[in-house]
């Protein structure tokens, strides 16, 4: 079984959201899609938390002071430094 990646999970989540918004699904289909979306969302959040922890470790200086660079989120959701 192939290990899922953050990018694949996020893409699948986006497809599920689009499907829920655009298609006329039955209640059962909607609940199933929503349940899968919750699982994907939790997986993505976990991966983002792990990435944040790694970044914080890499940004610590020798005295254990965290020196993060400020990030700004643009309208398209892309990060700018």
C-alpha atoms as a PDB file:
ATOM      1  CA  UNK A   1       0.000   0.000   0.000  1.00  0.00           C
ATOM      2  CA  UNK A   2       1.373   3.396  -1.010  1.00  0.00           C
ATOM      3  CA  UNK A   3       1.963   5.884   1.787  1.00  0.00           C
ATOM      4  CA  UNK A   4      -0.191   8.964   1.258  1.00  0.00           C
ATOM      5  CA  UNK A   5       1.428  12.350   1.074  1.00  0.00           C
ATOM      6  CA  UNK A   6       0.264  15.729   2.308  1.00  0.00           C
ATOM      7  CA  UNK A   7      -0.139  16.970  -1.260  1.00  0.00           C
ATOM      8  CA  UNK A   8      -2.247  13.990  -2.336  1.00  0.00           C
ATOM      9  CA  UNK A   9      -4.401  14.257   0.771  1.00  0.00           C
ATOM     10  CA  UNK A  10      -4.950  17.980   0.289  1.00  0.00           C
ATOM     11  CA  UNK A  11      -5.878  17.433  -3.359  1.00  0.00           C
ATOM     12  CA  UNK A  12      -8.342  14.697  -2.358  1.00  0.00           C
ATOM     13  CA  UNK A  13      -9.823  16.982   0.287  1.00  0.00           C
ATOM     14  CA  UNK A  14     -10.286  19.742  -2.277  1.00  0.00           C
ATOM     15  CA  UNK A  15     -12.015  17.295  -4.627  1.00  0.00           C
ATOM     16  CA  UNK A  16     -14.341  16.160  -1.839  1.00  0.00           C
ATOM     17  CA  UNK A  17     -15.270  19.734  -0.989  1.00  0.00           C
ATOM     18  CA  UNK A  18     -15.954  20.506  -4.632  1.00  0.00           C
ATOM     19  CA  UNK A  19     -18.058  17.345  -4.905  1.00  0.00           C
ATOM     20  CA  UNK A  20     -20.082  18.278  -1.833  1.00  0.00           C
ATOM     21  CA  UNK A  21     -20.635  21.807  -3.144  1.00  0.00           C
ATOM     22  CA  UNK A  22     -21.438  20.991  -6.759  1.00  0.00           C
ATOM     23  CA  UNK A  23     -23.141  17.609  -6.803  1.00  0.00           C
ATOM     24  CA  UNK A  24     -26.601  16.690  -5.614  1.00  0.00           C
ATOM     25  CA  UNK A  25     -25.592  13.886  -3.258  1.00  0.00           C
ATOM     26  CA  UNK A  26     -27.840  11.775  -1.125  1.00  0.00           C
ATOM     27  CA  UNK A  27     -27.619  12.145   2.629  1.00  0.00           C
ATOM     28  CA  UNK A  28     -25.670   8.887   2.877  1.00  0.00           C
ATOM     29  CA  UNK A  29     -23.209   9.934   0.168  1.00  0.00           C
ATOM     30  CA  UNK A  30     -22.786  13.357   1.771  1.00  0.00           C
ATOM     31  CA  UNK A  31     -22.073  11.842   5.176  1.00  0.00           C
ATOM     32  CA  UNK A  32     -19.556   9.419   3.706  1.00  0.00           C
ATOM     33  CA  UNK A  33     -17.787  12.224   1.828  1.00  0.00           C
ATOM     34  CA  UNK A  34     -17.837  14.422   4.940  1.00  0.00           C
ATOM     35  CA  UNK A  35     -16.357  11.626   7.061  1.00  0.00           C
ATOM     36  CA  UNK A  36     -13.558  11.113   4.555  1.00  0.00           C
ATOM     37  CA  UNK A  37     -12.989  14.865   4.462  1.00  0.00           C
ATOM     38  CA  UNK A  38     -12.616  14.997   8.240  1.00  0.00           C
ATOM     39  CA  UNK A  39     -10.031  12.203   8.107  1.00  0.00           C
ATOM     40  CA  UNK A  40      -8.097  13.959   5.341  1.00  0.00           C
ATOM     41  CA  UNK A  41      -8.273  17.272   7.175  1.00  0.00           C
ATOM     42  CA  UNK A  42      -6.875  15.719  10.365  1.00  0.00           C
ATOM     43  CA  UNK A  43      -4.088  14.022   8.399  1.00  0.00           C
ATOM     44  CA  UNK A  44      -3.147  17.310   6.702  1.00  0.00           C
ATOM     45  CA  UNK A  45      -3.221  19.195  10.002  1.00  0.00           C
ATOM     46  CA  UNK A  46      -0.946  16.567  11.566  1.00  0.00           C
ATOM     47  CA  UNK A  47       1.529  16.822   8.685  1.00  0.00           C
ATOM     48  CA  UNK A  48       1.540  20.626   8.928  1.00  0.00           C
ATOM     49  CA  UNK A  49       2.180  20.414  12.681  1.00  0.00           C
ATOM     50  CA  UNK A  50       5.077  18.031  12.068  1.00  0.00           C
ATOM     51  CA  UNK A  51       6.532  20.366   9.445  1.00  0.00           C
ATOM     52  CA  UNK A  52       6.183  23.335  11.805  1.00  0.00           C
ATOM     53  CA  UNK A  53       8.028  21.435  14.541  1.00  0.00           C
ATOM     54  CA  UNK A  54      10.861  20.613  12.132  1.00  0.00           C
ATOM     55  CA  UNK A  55      11.115  24.249  11.031  1.00  0.00           C
ATOM     56  CA  UNK A  56      11.228  25.405  14.642  1.00  0.00           C
ATOM     57  CA  UNK A  57      14.036  22.940  15.388  1.00  0.00           C
ATOM     58  CA  UNK A  58      15.987  24.166  12.367  1.00  0.00           C
ATOM     59  CA  UNK A  59      15.504  27.820  13.320  1.00  0.00           C
ATOM     60  CA  UNK A  60      16.683  27.481  16.909  1.00  0.00           C
ATOM     61  CA  UNK A  61      19.984  29.147  17.547  1.00  0.00           C
ATOM     62  CA  UNK A  62      22.728  27.790  19.783  1.00  0.00           C
ATOM     63  CA  UNK A  63      21.097  29.244  22.898  1.00  0.00           C
ATOM     64  CA  UNK A  64      17.761  27.501  22.176  1.00  0.00           C
ATOM     65  CA  UNK A  65      16.122  30.764  21.183  1.00  0.00           C
ATOM     66  CA  UNK A  66      13.600  30.368  18.420  1.00  0.00           C
ATOM     67  CA  UNK A  67      14.167  32.886  15.629  1.00  0.00           C
ATOM     68  CA  UNK A  68      11.328  32.349  13.138  1.00  0.00           C
ATOM     69  CA  UNK A  69      11.009  34.446  10.028  1.00  0.00           C
ATOM     70  CA  UNK A  70       7.609  36.182   9.767  1.00  0.00           C
ATOM     71  CA  UNK A  71       5.278  34.711   7.169  1.00  0.00           C
ATOM     72  CA  UNK A  72       2.478  36.532   5.422  1.00  0.00           C
ATOM     73  CA  UNK A  73      -0.350  34.683   3.700  1.00  0.00           C
ATOM     74  CA  UNK A  74      -1.433  36.121   0.358  1.00  0.00           C
ATOM     75  CA  UNK A  75      -4.963  35.988  -1.003  1.00  0.00           C
ATOM     76  CA  UNK A  76      -4.154  32.801  -2.906  1.00  0.00           C
ATOM     77  CA  UNK A  77      -2.967  31.118   0.283  1.00  0.00           C
ATOM     78  CA  UNK A  78       0.703  31.170  -0.676  1.00  0.00           C
ATOM     79  CA  UNK A  79       3.285  32.050   1.936  1.00  0.00           C
ATOM     80  CA  UNK A  80       5.567  35.019   1.508  1.00  0.00           C
ATOM     81  CA  UNK A  81       8.670  35.685   3.562  1.00  0.00           C
END
